[in-house]
Amino acid sequence: MSSAVAFDPACAPKPSLQSDRRRASRYDVSVPVEVSTVDGLPLSSEVTNISASGFRCHSSMALRKGTKVIVRFHKGMRRRAYIAWQIGEDIGCRLLRPLTADELAQVMSNGERPE
């Protein structure tokens, strides 16, 4: 039995209001994750903005553009990515393999932290 969650655009958070040229809609979220370098150095524990093709997180570590990272979402889903930009502690990462609509919905549904 499949446990995939259907993506319902009407229930999705509103895209962030940024004037940029990205192809995929971006969503402001608070999703617990593990972002680390490919050799295991931890970088971040939260994604604050996500799209099918990338995400933004925070890290106090200075990283070079192109550094390869791994993001581990809940339930074992993970993706390889690379640092596309860093401004201060904000890091933008591009996923090497985009999330499907179902995967994006699943990640976003885990963004609500229990109080």
Protein backbone atom coordinates (compact mmCIF):
# COMPACT_ATOMS: atom_id res chain seq x y z
CA MET A 1 0.00 0.00 0.00
CA SER A 2 1.43 3.36 -1.00
CA SER A 3 1.69 6.14 1.55
CA ALA A 4 2.28 8.88 -1.02
CA VAL A 5 0.57 12.18 -0.34
CA ALA A 6 -1.22 13.84 -3.25
CA PHE A 7 -0.15 17.45 -3.83
CA ASP A 8 -3.11 19.82 -3.62
CA PRO A 9 -2.04 23.28 -4.84
CA ALA A 10 -5.04 24.88 -3.09
CA CYS A 11 -3.71 23.73 0.30
CA ALA A 12 -0.08 24.67 -0.34
CA PRO A 13 1.47 27.67 1.38
CA LYS A 14 1.66 30.79 -0.75
CA PRO A 15 4.90 31.21 -2.68
CA SER A 16 7.33 33.70 -1.18
CA LEU A 17 7.11 37.11 -2.74
CA GLN A 18 10.51 37.44 -4.33
CA SER A 19 11.14 39.05 -7.66
CA ASP A 20 13.53 36.62 -9.24
CA ARG A 21 13.84 34.46 -12.32
CA ARG A 22 13.49 31.02 -10.77
CA ARG A 23 11.46 28.48 -12.71
CA ALA A 24 9.90 26.67 -9.73
CA SER A 25 7.59 28.23 -7.15
CA ARG A 26 9.27 28.70 -3.79
CA TYR A 27 7.60 28.29 -0.42
CA ASP A 28 8.61 29.73 2.95
CA VAL A 29 8.64 26.83 5.42
CA SER A 30 10.23 25.62 8.62
CA VAL A 31 11.19 22.04 7.82
CA PRO A 32 13.49 20.04 10.11
CA VAL A 33 16.27 18.40 8.09
CA GLU A 34 19.90 17.42 8.27
CA VAL A 35 22.10 19.24 5.78
CA SER A 36 25.73 18.13 5.73
CA THR A 37 28.72 18.12 3.44
CA VAL A 38 29.26 14.85 1.59
CA ASP A 39 32.00 14.00 4.09
CA GLY A 40 29.57 14.38 7.01
CA LEU A 41 30.25 17.89 8.33
CA PRO A 42 26.88 19.17 9.69
CA LEU A 43 25.71 22.49 8.26
CA SER A 44 22.06 23.05 9.12
CA SER A 45 19.01 21.49 10.77
CA GLU A 46 16.26 23.53 9.12
CA VAL A 47 15.15 24.45 5.60
CA THR A 48 13.47 27.85 5.53
CA ASN A 49 12.49 28.05 1.87
CA ILE A 50 11.96 25.26 -0.65
CA SER A 51 11.02 24.53 -4.23
CA ALA A 52 11.17 21.43 -6.38
CA SER A 53 14.67 22.41 -7.51
CA GLY A 54 16.32 23.85 -4.40
CA PHE A 55 16.17 25.14 -0.86
CA ARG A 56 17.49 27.79 1.51
CA CYS A 57 18.94 27.08 4.93
CA HIS A 58 21.19 28.83 7.45
CA SER A 59 24.73 28.00 8.44
CA SER A 60 27.39 29.99 10.27
CA MET A 61 30.05 28.18 8.26
CA ALA A 62 31.51 29.92 5.20
CA LEU A 63 31.13 27.62 2.19
CA ARG A 64 32.33 27.82 -1.39
CA LYS A 65 29.91 27.98 -4.27
CA GLY A 66 29.72 24.50 -5.78
CA THR A 67 30.34 22.64 -2.49
CA LYS A 68 28.39 19.38 -2.61
CA VAL A 69 25.96 18.68 0.24
CA ILE A 70 23.37 16.11 1.24
CA VAL A 71 19.95 17.07 2.63
CA ARG A 72 18.10 14.41 4.62
CA PHE A 73 14.37 14.98 4.93
CA HIS A 74 12.03 12.98 7.16
CA LYS A 75 11.25 9.31 6.49
CA GLY A 76 14.64 8.71 4.90
CA MET A 77 14.15 10.88 1.81
CA ARG A 78 17.41 12.52 0.82
CA ARG A 79 18.90 14.42 -2.06
CA ARG A 80 22.32 15.56 -3.15
CA ALA A 81 22.69 19.25 -3.84
CA TYR A 82 25.34 21.92 -4.24
CA ILE A 83 25.78 25.40 -2.81
CA ALA A 84 24.54 27.90 -5.40
CA TRP A 85 25.09 31.01 -3.26
CA GLN A 86 25.78 32.23 0.27
CA ILE A 87 24.99 35.64 1.70
CA GLY A 88 25.98 35.89 5.35
CA GLU A 89 24.45 32.84 7.04
CA ASP A 90 21.84 32.25 4.30
CA ILE A 91 22.74 29.46 1.90
CA GLY A 92 20.96 28.62 -1.35
CA CYS A 93 21.28 25.03 -2.56
CA ARG A 94 20.30 23.53 -5.89
CA LEU A 95 19.14 19.92 -5.87
CA LEU A 96 20.88 17.67 -8.37
CA ARG A 97 17.59 15.77 -8.86
CA PRO A 98 14.43 17.87 -8.39
CA LEU A 99 11.68 16.80 -6.02
CA THR A 100 8.50 15.48 -7.62
CA ALA A 101 5.23 17.25 -6.77
CA ASP A 102 4.38 14.41 -4.37
CA GLU A 103 7.79 14.57 -2.68
CA LEU A 104 7.56 18.36 -2.32
CA ALA A 105 4.11 18.03 -0.75
CA GLN A 106 5.42 15.34 1.61
CA VAL A 107 8.36 17.51 2.69
CA MET A 108 6.13 20.54 3.19
CA SER A 109 3.57 18.55 5.19
CA ASN A 110 6.33 17.77 7.70
CA GLY A 111 7.11 21.48 8.04
CA GLU A 112 4.65 21.97 10.90
CA ARG A 113 6.51 21.54 14.16
CA PRO A 114 4.48 20.32 17.13
CA GLU A 115 4.05 22.87 19.94
